[in-house]
């Protein structure tokens, strides 16, 4: 019988791409739409789990939220690497 696992997916827009990230497994993928990014992440997770040596972490429920902070009048511009 096939076992089902539930993992978190964090989606962030980066340029023209949507980047999806699974924090429990530290796996990321991308797509041109949110739906594509999620599907691509699912495929990446499935491939990761195919490895017989993979340990699936015992995780509880992951909560995602936002935090609003003051920038103290700094310019709002992206950080470049």
Protein backbone atom coordinates (compact mmCIF):
# COMPACT_ATOMS: atom_id res chain seq x y z
CA UNK A 1 0.00 0.00 0.00
CA UNK A 2 1.28 3.44 -0.92
CA UNK A 3 2.02 5.70 2.04
CA UNK A 4 1.10 9.40 1.84
CA UNK A 5 3.21 12.17 3.37
CA UNK A 6 2.34 15.83 3.83
CA UNK A 7 5.07 18.47 3.52
CA UNK A 8 5.05 22.27 3.56
CA UNK A 9 5.57 24.32 0.41
CA UNK A 10 6.76 27.93 0.59
CA UNK A 11 6.36 29.88 -2.65
CA UNK A 12 8.22 33.10 -3.43
CA UNK A 13 8.26 35.16 -6.63
CA UNK A 14 11.80 35.76 -7.89
CA UNK A 15 11.91 37.73 -11.12
CA UNK A 16 9.70 35.96 -13.65
CA UNK A 17 9.82 32.65 -11.75
CA UNK A 18 8.00 31.28 -8.72
CA UNK A 19 10.39 29.38 -6.46
CA UNK A 20 8.94 26.63 -4.27
CA UNK A 21 10.72 25.29 -1.19
CA UNK A 22 9.98 22.42 1.17
CA UNK A 23 11.51 23.39 4.54
CA UNK A 24 11.22 19.89 6.08
CA UNK A 25 13.43 18.35 3.37
CA UNK A 26 15.27 21.50 2.22
CA UNK A 27 14.29 20.86 -1.40
CA UNK A 28 13.52 23.64 -3.87
CA UNK A 29 12.15 23.90 -7.39
CA UNK A 30 10.57 26.52 -9.64
CA UNK A 31 7.94 27.24 -12.26
CA UNK A 32 6.55 30.06 -14.35
CA UNK A 33 3.29 29.94 -12.35
CA UNK A 34 2.50 29.08 -8.74
CA UNK A 35 0.82 25.87 -9.90
CA UNK A 36 3.88 24.87 -11.96
CA UNK A 37 6.18 25.61 -9.03
CA UNK A 38 4.12 23.39 -6.72
CA UNK A 39 3.93 20.54 -9.25
CA UNK A 40 7.67 20.79 -9.87
CA UNK A 41 8.31 20.67 -6.11
CA UNK A 42 6.09 17.58 -5.77
CA UNK A 43 8.12 15.85 -8.48
CA UNK A 44 11.39 16.81 -6.78
CA UNK A 45 10.13 15.48 -3.43
CA UNK A 46 8.97 12.22 -5.03
CA UNK A 47 12.38 11.74 -6.64
CA UNK A 48 14.08 12.48 -3.32
CA UNK A 49 11.90 9.92 -1.53
CA UNK A 50 12.70 7.21 -4.11
CA UNK A 51 16.17 6.83 -2.59
CA UNK A 52 15.92 3.81 -0.29
CA UNK A 53 18.35 5.41 2.19
CA UNK A 54 16.21 8.53 2.59
CA UNK A 55 15.00 9.17 6.11
CA UNK A 56 11.61 10.86 6.20
CA UNK A 57 11.64 13.31 9.11
CA UNK A 58 8.98 12.96 11.77
CA UNK A 59 7.53 16.44 11.66
CA UNK A 60 4.68 18.11 13.38
CA UNK A 61 2.48 20.70 11.79
CA UNK A 62 4.44 23.59 10.24
CA UNK A 63 3.01 27.06 10.67
CA UNK A 64 3.84 29.86 8.25
CA UNK A 65 3.10 33.49 8.95
CA UNK A 66 4.41 36.95 8.20
CA UNK A 67 6.07 39.50 10.45
CA UNK A 68 5.78 43.23 9.83
CA UNK A 69 8.70 45.37 11.01
CA UNK A 70 9.77 48.97 10.57
CA UNK A 71 12.72 49.62 8.28
CA UNK A 72 13.63 52.89 10.05
CA UNK A 73 13.44 54.97 6.88
CA UNK A 74 15.81 52.84 4.84
CA UNK A 75 15.16 52.61 1.11
CA UNK A 76 13.07 49.62 0.11
CA UNK A 77 15.28 47.98 -2.49
CA UNK A 78 16.33 44.41 -3.11
CA UNK A 79 19.55 43.13 -1.66
CA UNK A 80 21.95 42.24 -4.43
CA UNK A 81 24.51 39.48 -4.15
